[in-house]
């Protein structure tokens, strides 16, 4: 085996030292590059945080503005809703008052001819005296509800001789009004004891009454009257006989 001389060993050691220096230099360069990358990433991260904070602040401001705007719009809508509700209530009140005035007007137009109708129905002479009372209210003291006596109101009561005619007037006569009037007639004498045993006829009246309502009322023995040219006219079928109540 050849002998390794001192020169060879020195040369090999020199080469190892140089390789080590080169490796160390490459490591240092790599570490420096990594450090620069980390610094750059840290800087980017800080910039991202600042941008996110700015975005969050902007978003918060926009949300606050939107909430304020929404609250203002809701308050405006609430006020508008209140105004609309007040207008509807006022309109309903005016409509109710108008309907009541119309009903009273129709009653006043019809009541003057009630005595003539009663004389015809009761076959009384034209000169037989009588009287008509409108919107007659009576309270029945024997029945109390909620601290107030029950009340009944008749639109018109015509009295002539021994006969009585009770009338119910509506601006528009609906079928259910016929039922309501019949229920009123069933308890009428409790409120008007002065009627005694006198025959009491009953009529419904309006400016116009639907034929189906007229037929329903006729079958219950009610006179059906409409106003034309200032006089009441019968709308009952031929041969109709009124029923005393």
C-alpha atoms as a PDB file:
ATOM      1  CA  UNK A   1       0.000   0.000   0.000  1.00  0.00           C
ATOM      2  CA  UNK A   2       1.367   3.409  -0.972  1.00  0.00           C
ATOM      3  CA  UNK A   3       2.232   5.652   1.840  1.00  0.00           C
ATOM      4  CA  UNK A   4       0.162   8.868   2.386  1.00  0.00           C
ATOM      5  CA  UNK A   5       2.600  11.671   2.593  1.00  0.00           C
ATOM      6  CA  UNK A   6       2.243  14.758   4.674  1.00  0.00           C
ATOM      7  CA  UNK A   7       1.779  16.881   1.590  1.00  0.00           C
ATOM      8  CA  UNK A   8      -1.134  14.785   0.474  1.00  0.00           C
ATOM      9  CA  UNK A   9      -2.801  15.057   3.853  1.00  0.00           C
ATOM     10  CA  UNK A  10      -2.294  18.782   3.961  1.00  0.00           C
ATOM     11  CA  UNK A  11      -3.732  19.089   0.484  1.00  0.00           C
ATOM     12  CA  UNK A  12      -6.774  17.010   1.416  1.00  0.00           C
ATOM     13  CA  UNK A  13      -7.305  18.997   4.632  1.00  0.00           C
ATOM     14  CA  UNK A  14      -7.053  22.194   2.660  1.00  0.00           C
ATOM     15  CA  UNK A  15      -9.700  20.980   0.251  1.00  0.00           C
ATOM     16  CA  UNK A  16     -12.036  19.990   3.135  1.00  0.00           C
ATOM     17  CA  UNK A  17     -11.609  23.385   4.749  1.00  0.00           C
ATOM     18  CA  UNK A  18     -12.415  25.134   1.489  1.00  0.00           C
ATOM     19  CA  UNK A  19     -15.525  22.922   0.955  1.00  0.00           C
ATOM     20  CA  UNK A  20     -16.633  23.658   4.511  1.00  0.00           C
ATOM     21  CA  UNK A  21     -16.243  27.392   3.933  1.00  0.00           C
ATOM     22  CA  UNK A  22     -18.237  27.175   0.720  1.00  0.00           C
ATOM     23  CA  UNK A  23     -20.979  25.144   2.458  1.00  0.00           C
ATOM     24  CA  UNK A  24     -21.069  27.624   5.309  1.00  0.00           C
ATOM     25  CA  UNK A  25     -21.325  30.468   2.816  1.00  0.00           C
ATOM     26  CA  UNK A  26     -24.210  28.749   1.012  1.00  0.00           C
ATOM     27  CA  UNK A  27     -25.961  28.144   4.368  1.00  0.00           C
ATOM     28  CA  UNK A  28     -25.437  31.776   5.365  1.00  0.00           C
ATOM     29  CA  UNK A  29     -26.784  32.928   2.027  1.00  0.00           C
ATOM     30  CA  UNK A  30     -29.779  30.623   2.349  1.00  0.00           C
ATOM     31  CA  UNK A  31     -30.450  31.858   5.905  1.00  0.00           C
ATOM     32  CA  UNK A  32     -30.151  35.454   4.750  1.00  0.00           C
ATOM     33  CA  UNK A  33     -32.636  34.769   1.955  1.00  0.00           C
ATOM     34  CA  UNK A  34     -35.011  33.040   4.383  1.00  0.00           C
ATOM     35  CA  UNK A  35     -34.697  35.948   6.801  1.00  0.00           C
ATOM     36  CA  UNK A  36     -35.534  38.387   4.005  1.00  0.00           C
ATOM     37  CA  UNK A  37     -38.581  36.283   3.030  1.00  0.00           C
ATOM     38  CA  UNK A  38     -39.763  36.144   6.619  1.00  0.00           C
ATOM     39  CA  UNK A  39     -39.349  39.895   6.966  1.00  0.00           C
ATOM     40  CA  UNK A  40     -41.273  40.404   3.732  1.00  0.00           C
ATOM     41  CA  UNK A  41     -44.046  38.071   4.907  1.00  0.00           C
ATOM     42  CA  UNK A  42     -44.170  39.882   8.256  1.00  0.00           C
ATOM     43  CA  UNK A  43     -44.445  43.203   6.440  1.00  0.00           C
ATOM     44  CA  UNK A  44     -47.199  41.848   4.190  1.00  0.00           C
ATOM     45  CA  UNK A  45     -49.011  40.428   7.217  1.00  0.00           C
ATOM     46  CA  UNK A  46     -48.852  43.812   8.958  1.00  0.00           C
ATOM     47  CA  UNK A  47     -50.162  45.496   5.814  1.00  0.00           C
ATOM     48  CA  UNK A  48     -52.965  42.949   5.613  1.00  0.00           C
ATOM     49  CA  UNK A  49     -53.863  43.619   9.246  1.00  0.00           C
ATOM     50  CA  UNK A  50     -53.979  47.339   8.558  1.00  0.00           C
ATOM     51  CA  UNK A  51     -56.151  46.777   5.485  1.00  0.00           C
ATOM     52  CA  UNK A  52     -58.472  44.452   7.419  1.00  0.00           C
ATOM     53  CA  UNK A  53     -58.723  46.958  10.271  1.00  0.00           C
ATOM     54  CA  UNK A  54     -59.507  49.721   7.774  1.00  0.00           C
ATOM     55  CA  UNK A  55     -62.077  47.536   6.038  1.00  0.00           C
ATOM     56  CA  UNK A  56     -63.652  46.588   9.374  1.00  0.00           C
ATOM     57  CA  UNK A  57     -63.826  50.265  10.381  1.00  0.00           C
ATOM     58  CA  UNK A  58     -65.351  51.209   7.035  1.00  0.00           C
ATOM     59  CA  UNK A  59     -67.835  48.343   7.225  1.00  0.00           C
ATOM     60  CA  UNK A  60     -68.813  49.305  10.761  1.00  0.00           C
ATOM     61  CA  UNK A  61     -69.353  52.905   9.671  1.00  0.00           C
ATOM     62  CA  UNK A  62     -71.459  51.769   6.693  1.00  0.00           C
ATOM     63  CA  UNK A  63     -73.519  49.458   8.917  1.00  0.00           C
ATOM     64  CA  UNK A  64     -74.077  52.277  11.419  1.00  0.00           C
ATOM     65  CA  UNK A  65     -75.141  54.590   8.587  1.00  0.00           C
ATOM     66  CA  UNK A  66     -77.431  51.919   7.152  1.00  0.00           C
ATOM     67  CA  UNK A  67     -78.950  51.252  10.584  1.00  0.00           C
ATOM     68  CA  UNK A  68     -79.562  54.984  11.088  1.00  0.00           C
ATOM     69  CA  UNK A  69     -81.084  55.300   7.633  1.00  0.00           C
ATOM     70  CA  UNK A  70     -83.258  52.241   8.198  1.00  0.00           C
ATOM     71  CA  UNK A  71     -84.401  53.589  11.563  1.00  0.00           C
ATOM     72  CA  UNK A  72     -85.273  56.917   9.943  1.00  0.00           C
ATOM     73  CA  UNK A  73     -87.193  55.179   7.157  1.00  0.00           C
ATOM     74  CA  UNK A  74     -89.038  52.972   9.659  1.00  0.00           C
ATOM     75  CA  UNK A  75     -89.961  56.026  11.720  1.00  0.00           C
ATOM     76  CA  UNK A  76     -91.201  57.724   8.546  1.00  0.00           C
ATOM     77  CA  UNK A  77     -93.198  54.622   7.579  1.00  0.00           C
ATOM     78  CA  UNK A  78     -94.627  54.404  11.093  1.00  0.00           C
ATOM     79  CA  UNK A  79     -95.722  58.027  10.953  1.00  0.00           C
ATOM     80  CA  UNK A  80     -97.152  57.521   7.468  1.00  0.00           C
ATOM     81  CA  UNK A  81     -98.964  54.413   8.712  1.00  0.00           C
ATOM     82  CA  UNK A  82    -100.391  56.397  11.619  1.00  0.00           C
ATOM     83  CA  UNK A  83    -101.546  59.139   9.262  1.00  0.00           C
ATOM     84  CA  UNK A  84    -103.124  56.560   6.956  1.00  0.00           C
ATOM     85  CA  UNK A  85    -104.827  54.876   9.918  1.00  0.00           C
ATOM     86  CA  UNK A  86    -106.174  58.238  11.098  1.00  0.00           C
ATOM     87  CA  UNK A  87    -107.429  58.984   7.591  1.00  0.00           C
ATOM     88  CA  UNK A  88    -109.107  55.556   7.376  1.00  0.00           C
ATOM     89  CA  UNK A  89    -110.722  56.065  10.778  1.00  0.00           C
ATOM     90  CA  UNK A  90    -111.895  59.520   9.761  1.00  0.00           C
ATOM     91  CA  UNK A  91    -113.245  58.178   6.472  1.00  0.00           C
ATOM     92  CA  UNK A  92    -115.027  55.311   8.256  1.00  0.00           C
ATOM     93  CA  UNK A  93    -116.503  57.788  10.724  1.00  0.00           C
ATOM     94  CA  UNK A  94    -117.695  60.045   7.910  1.00  0.00           C
ATOM     95  CA  UNK A  95    -119.096  57.057   6.012  1.00  0.00           C
ATOM     96  CA  UNK A  96    -120.878  55.886   9.156  1.00  0.00           C
ATOM     97  CA  UNK A  97    -122.310  59.345   9.746  1.00  0.00           C
ATOM     98  CA  UNK A  98    -123.347  59.601   6.098  1.00  0.00           C
ATOM     99  CA  UNK A  99    -124.969  56.159   6.237  1.00  0.00           C
ATOM    100  CA  UNK A 100    -126.798  57.137   9.412  1.00  0.00           C
ATOM    101  CA  UNK A 101    -127.982  60.392   7.856  1.00  0.00           C
ATOM    102  CA  UNK A 102    -129.096  58.507   4.752  1.00  0.00           C
ATOM    103  CA  UNK A 103    -131.002  56.014   6.896  1.00  0.00           C
ATOM    104  CA  UNK A 104    -132.654  58.819   8.860  1.00  0.00           C
ATOM    105  CA  UNK A 105    -133.507  60.614   5.613  1.00  0.00           C
ATOM    106  CA  UNK A 106    -135.173  57.499   4.177  1.00  0.00           C
ATOM    107  CA  UNK A 107    -137.105  56.996   7.420  1.00  0.00           C
ATOM    108  CA  UNK A 108    -138.343  60.601   7.273  1.00  0.00           C
ATOM    109  CA  UNK A 109    -139.361  60.142   3.638  1.00  0.00           C
ATOM    110  CA  UNK A 110    -141.308  56.960   4.353  1.00  0.00           C
ATOM    111  CA  UNK A 111    -142.995  57.681   7.705  1.00  0.00           C
ATOM    112  CA  UNK A 112    -145.511  60.287   6.453  1.00  0.00           C
ATOM    113  CA  UNK A 113    -147.244  57.655   4.304  1.00  0.00           C
ATOM    114  CA  UNK A 114    -147.451  55.011   7.042  1.00  0.00           C
ATOM    115  CA  UNK A 115    -151.013  55.943   8.117  1.00  0.00           C
ATOM    116  CA  UNK A 116    -152.328  55.510   4.565  1.00  0.00           C
ATOM    117  CA  UNK A 117    -150.729  52.051   4.407  1.00  0.00           C
ATOM    118  CA  UNK A 118    -152.194  51.067   7.786  1.00  0.00           C
ATOM    119  CA  UNK A 119    -155.695  52.233   6.742  1.00  0.00           C
ATOM    120  CA  UNK A 120    -155.431  50.118   3.578  1.00  0.00           C
ATOM    121  CA  UNK A 121    -154.235  47.029   5.447  1.00  0.00           C
ATOM    122  CA  UNK A 122    -156.774  47.368   8.268  1.00  0.00           C
ATOM    123  CA  UNK A 123    -159.550  48.410   5.831  1.00  0.00           C
ATOM    124  CA  UNK A 124    -160.195  51.631   7.738  1.00  0.00           C
ATOM    125  CA  UNK A 125    -161.900  54.741   6.326  1.00  0.00           C
ATOM    126  CA  UNK A 126    -159.549  57.436   5.037  1.00  0.00           C
ATOM    127  CA  UNK A 127    -160.844  59.906   7.587  1.00  0.00           C
ATOM    128  CA  UNK A 128    -159.871  57.677  10.512  1.00  0.00           C
ATOM    129  CA  UNK A 129    -157.425  59.692  12.589  1.00  0.00           C
ATOM    130  CA  UNK A 130    -154.079  58.342  13.660  1.00  0.00           C
ATOM    131  CA  UNK A 131    -150.499  59.260  14.444  1.00  0.00           C
ATOM    132  CA  UNK A 132    -146.979  58.229  13.511  1.00  0.00           C
ATOM    133  CA  UNK A 133    -143.946  58.276  15.800  1.00  0.00           C
ATOM    134  CA  UNK A 134    -140.448  57.765  14.413  1.00  0.00           C
ATOM    135  CA  UNK A 135    -137.357  56.284  16.034  1.00  0.00           C
ATOM    136  CA  UNK A 136    -139.198  55.159  19.135  1.00  0.00           C
ATOM    137  CA  UNK A 137    -136.918  53.785  21.877  1.00  0.00           C
ATOM    138  CA  UNK A 138    -138.044  51.744  24.867  1.00  0.00           C
ATOM    139  CA  UNK A 139    -136.144  50.109  27.729  1.00  0.00           C
ATOM    140  CA  UNK A 140    -137.185  46.850  29.321  1.00  0.00           C
ATOM    141  CA  UNK A 141    -136.547  47.199  33.041  1.00  0.00           C
ATOM    142  CA  UNK A 142    -136.838  43.491  33.755  1.00  0.00           C
ATOM    143  CA  UNK A 143    -133.700  42.585  31.791  1.00  0.00           C
ATOM    144  CA  UNK A 144    -130.318  44.064  32.596  1.00  0.00           C
ATOM    145  CA  UNK A 145    -126.962  43.419  30.943  1.00  0.00           C
ATOM    146  CA  UNK A 146    -123.673  45.078  31.856  1.00  0.00           C
ATOM    147  CA  UNK A 147    -125.506  47.458  34.158  1.00  0.00           C
ATOM    148  CA  UNK A 148    -127.719  48.838  31.376  1.00  0.00           C
ATOM    149  CA  UNK A 149    -131.323  48.014  30.568  1.00  0.00           C
ATOM    150  CA  UNK A 150    -131.987  46.329  27.239  1.00  0.00           C
ATOM    151  CA  UNK A 151    -133.302  48.753  24.667  1.00  0.00           C
ATOM    152  CA  UNK A 152    -135.442  48.313  21.585  1.00  0.00           C
ATOM    153  CA  UNK A 153    -135.904  50.898  18.839  1.00  0.00           C
ATOM    154  CA  UNK A 154    -138.643  50.922  16.220  1.00  0.00           C
ATOM    155  CA  UNK A 155    -138.062  53.080  13.155  1.00  0.00           C
ATOM    156  CA  UNK A 156    -141.730  54.043  12.898  1.00  0.00           C
ATOM    157  CA  UNK A 157    -144.933  53.202  14.781  1.00  0.00           C
ATOM    158  CA  UNK A 158    -148.250  54.140  13.146  1.00  0.00           C
ATOM    159  CA  UNK A 159    -151.451  53.910  15.186  1.00  0.00           C
ATOM    160  CA  UNK A 160    -154.895  54.244  13.657  1.00  0.00           C
ATOM    161  CA  UNK A 161    -158.120  53.029  15.238  1.00  0.00           C
ATOM    162  CA  UNK A 162    -157.407  49.780  17.022  1.00  0.00           C
ATOM    163  CA  UNK A 163    -154.559  48.866  14.695  1.00  0.00           C
ATOM    164  CA  UNK A 164    -150.814  49.397  14.804  1.00  0.00           C
ATOM    165  CA  UNK A 165    -148.179  49.223  12.068  1.00  0.00           C
ATOM    166  CA  UNK A 166    -144.517  48.831  13.022  1.00  0.00           C
ATOM    167  CA  UNK A 167    -141.967  49.624  10.317  1.00  0.00           C
ATOM    168  CA  UNK A 168    -138.282  48.830   9.820  1.00  0.00           C
ATOM    169  CA  UNK A 169    -136.398  50.986   7.288  1.00  0.00           C
ATOM    170  CA  UNK A 170    -132.980  50.377   5.751  1.00  0.00           C
ATOM    171  CA  UNK A 171    -131.140  52.203   2.986  1.00  0.00           C
ATOM    172  CA  UNK A 172    -130.278  48.717   1.672  1.00  0.00           C
ATOM    173  CA  UNK A 173    -132.323  45.807   2.995  1.00  0.00           C
ATOM    174  CA  UNK A 174    -130.268  42.639   3.343  1.00  0.00           C
ATOM    175  CA  UNK A 175    -131.714  39.173   4.019  1.00  0.00           C
ATOM    176  CA  UNK A 176    -130.287  39.060   7.555  1.00  0.00           C
ATOM    177  CA  UNK A 177    -132.111  42.278   8.402  1.00  0.00           C
ATOM    178  CA  UNK A 178    -135.400  40.429   7.934  1.00  0.00           C
ATOM    179  CA  UNK A 179    -134.347  37.899  10.575  1.00  0.00           C
ATOM    180  CA  UNK A 180    -133.250  40.669  12.940  1.00  0.00           C
ATOM    181  CA  UNK A 181    -136.590  42.444  12.549  1.00  0.00           C
ATOM    182  CA  UNK A 182    -138.537  39.245  13.222  1.00  0.00           C
ATOM    183  CA  UNK A 183    -136.537  38.732  16.431  1.00  0.00           C
ATOM    184  CA  UNK A 184    -137.357  42.294  17.442  1.00  0.00           C
ATOM    185  CA  UNK A 185    -141.077  41.709  16.757  1.00  0.00           C
ATOM    186  CA  UNK A 186    -141.017  38.570  18.936  1.00  0.00           C
ATOM    187  CA  UNK A 187    -140.160  40.636  22.045  1.00  0.00           C
ATOM    188  CA  UNK A 188    -141.827  43.890  21.023  1.00  0.00           C
ATOM    189  CA  UNK A 189    -144.867  43.653  23.329  1.00  0.00           C
ATOM    190  CA  UNK A 190    -142.591  43.255  26.371  1.00  0.00           C
ATOM    191  CA  UNK A 191    -141.353  46.780  25.685  1.00  0.00           C
ATOM    192  CA  UNK A 192    -144.723  48.217  24.624  1.00  0.00           C
ATOM    193  CA  UNK A 193    -147.317  46.920  27.081  1.00  0.00           C
ATOM    194  CA  UNK A 194    -149.701  49.655  25.891  1.00  0.00           C
ATOM    195  CA  UNK A 195    -150.131  47.698  22.662  1.00  0.00           C
ATOM    196  CA  UNK A 196    -152.197  45.244  24.725  1.00  0.00           C
ATOM    197  CA  UNK A 197    -154.067  42.822  22.487  1.00  0.00           C
ATOM    198  CA  UNK A 198    -154.386  45.233  19.582  1.00  0.00           C
ATOM    199  CA  UNK A 199    -153.428  43.797  16.166  1.00  0.00           C
ATOM    200  CA  UNK A 200    -149.908  44.815  15.201  1.00  0.00           C
ATOM    201  CA  UNK A 201    -148.849  44.594  11.573  1.00  0.00           C
ATOM    202  CA  UNK A 202    -145.216  44.906  10.524  1.00  0.00           C
ATOM    203  CA  UNK A 203    -143.475  46.177   7.402  1.00  0.00           C
ATOM    204  CA  UNK A 204    -140.019  46.550   5.943  1.00  0.00           C
ATOM    205  CA  UNK A 205    -139.287  49.505   3.689  1.00  0.00           C
ATOM    206  CA  UNK A 206    -136.556  51.031   1.563  1.00  0.00           C
ATOM    207  CA  UNK A 207    -136.091  52.936  -1.662  1.00  0.00           C
ATOM    208  CA  UNK A 208    -135.572  49.579  -3.363  1.00  0.00           C
ATOM    209  CA  UNK A 209    -135.818  46.014  -2.070  1.00  0.00           C
ATOM    210  CA  UNK A 210    -134.391  42.999  -3.860  1.00  0.00           C
ATOM    211  CA  UNK A 211    -137.126  40.566  -5.011  1.00  0.00           C
ATOM    212  CA  UNK A 212    -135.530  37.687  -3.076  1.00  0.00           C
ATOM    213  CA  UNK A 213    -135.646  39.743   0.137  1.00  0.00           C
ATOM    214  CA  UNK A 214    -139.215  40.792  -0.614  1.00  0.00           C
ATOM    215  CA  UNK A 215    -140.229  37.143  -1.086  1.00  0.00           C
ATOM    216  CA  UNK A 216    -138.538  36.085   2.138  1.00  0.00           C
ATOM    217  CA  UNK A 217    -140.251  38.851   4.098  1.00  0.00           C
ATOM    218  CA  UNK A 218    -143.627  38.113   2.520  1.00  0.00           C
ATOM    219  CA  UNK A 219    -143.436  34.473   3.568  1.00  0.00           C
ATOM    220  CA  UNK A 220    -143.018  35.700   7.158  1.00  0.00           C
ATOM    221  CA  UNK A 221    -146.151  37.851   6.909  1.00  0.00           C
ATOM    222  CA  UNK A 222    -144.313  41.166   6.584  1.00  0.00           C
ATOM    223  CA  UNK A 223    -145.471  43.993   4.364  1.00  0.00           C
ATOM    224  CA  UNK A 224    -142.814  45.006   1.831  1.00  0.00           C
ATOM    225  CA  UNK A 225    -142.863  48.702   0.900  1.00  0.00           C
ATOM    226  CA  UNK A 226    -140.776  50.838  -1.451  1.00  0.00           C
ATOM    227  CA  UNK A 227    -140.977  54.552  -2.100  1.00  0.00           C
ATOM    228  CA  UNK A 228    -141.817  55.843  -5.575  1.00  0.00           C
ATOM    229  CA  UNK A 229    -143.011  59.325  -6.523  1.00  0.00           C
ATOM    230  CA  UNK A 230    -143.451  60.229  -2.858  1.00  0.00           C
ATOM    231  CA  UNK A 231    -145.776  57.304  -2.069  1.00  0.00           C
ATOM    232  CA  UNK A 232    -145.217  53.863  -0.604  1.00  0.00           C
ATOM    233  CA  UNK A 233    -145.974  50.951  -2.877  1.00  0.00           C
ATOM    234  CA  UNK A 234    -146.504  47.306  -1.984  1.00  0.00           C
ATOM    235  CA  UNK A 235    -143.919  44.823  -3.254  1.00  0.00           C
ATOM    236  CA  UNK A 236    -145.726  41.740  -1.919  1.00  0.00           C
ATOM    237  CA  UNK A 237    -147.046  39.192  -4.373  1.00  0.00           C
ATOM    238  CA  UNK A 238    -150.746  39.352  -5.378  1.00  0.00           C
ATOM    239  CA  UNK A 239    -153.121  37.892  -2.784  1.00  0.00           C
ATOM    240  CA  UNK A 240    -150.673  38.498   0.089  1.00  0.00           C
ATOM    241  CA  UNK A 241    -152.239  38.671   3.550  1.00  0.00           C
ATOM    242  CA  UNK A 242    -150.196  40.404   6.277  1.00  0.00           C
ATOM    243  CA  UNK A 243    -149.676  38.558   9.533  1.00  0.00           C
ATOM    244  CA  UNK A 244    -150.523  40.278  12.843  1.00  0.00           C
ATOM    245  CA  UNK A 245    -147.680  40.004  15.341  1.00  0.00           C
END
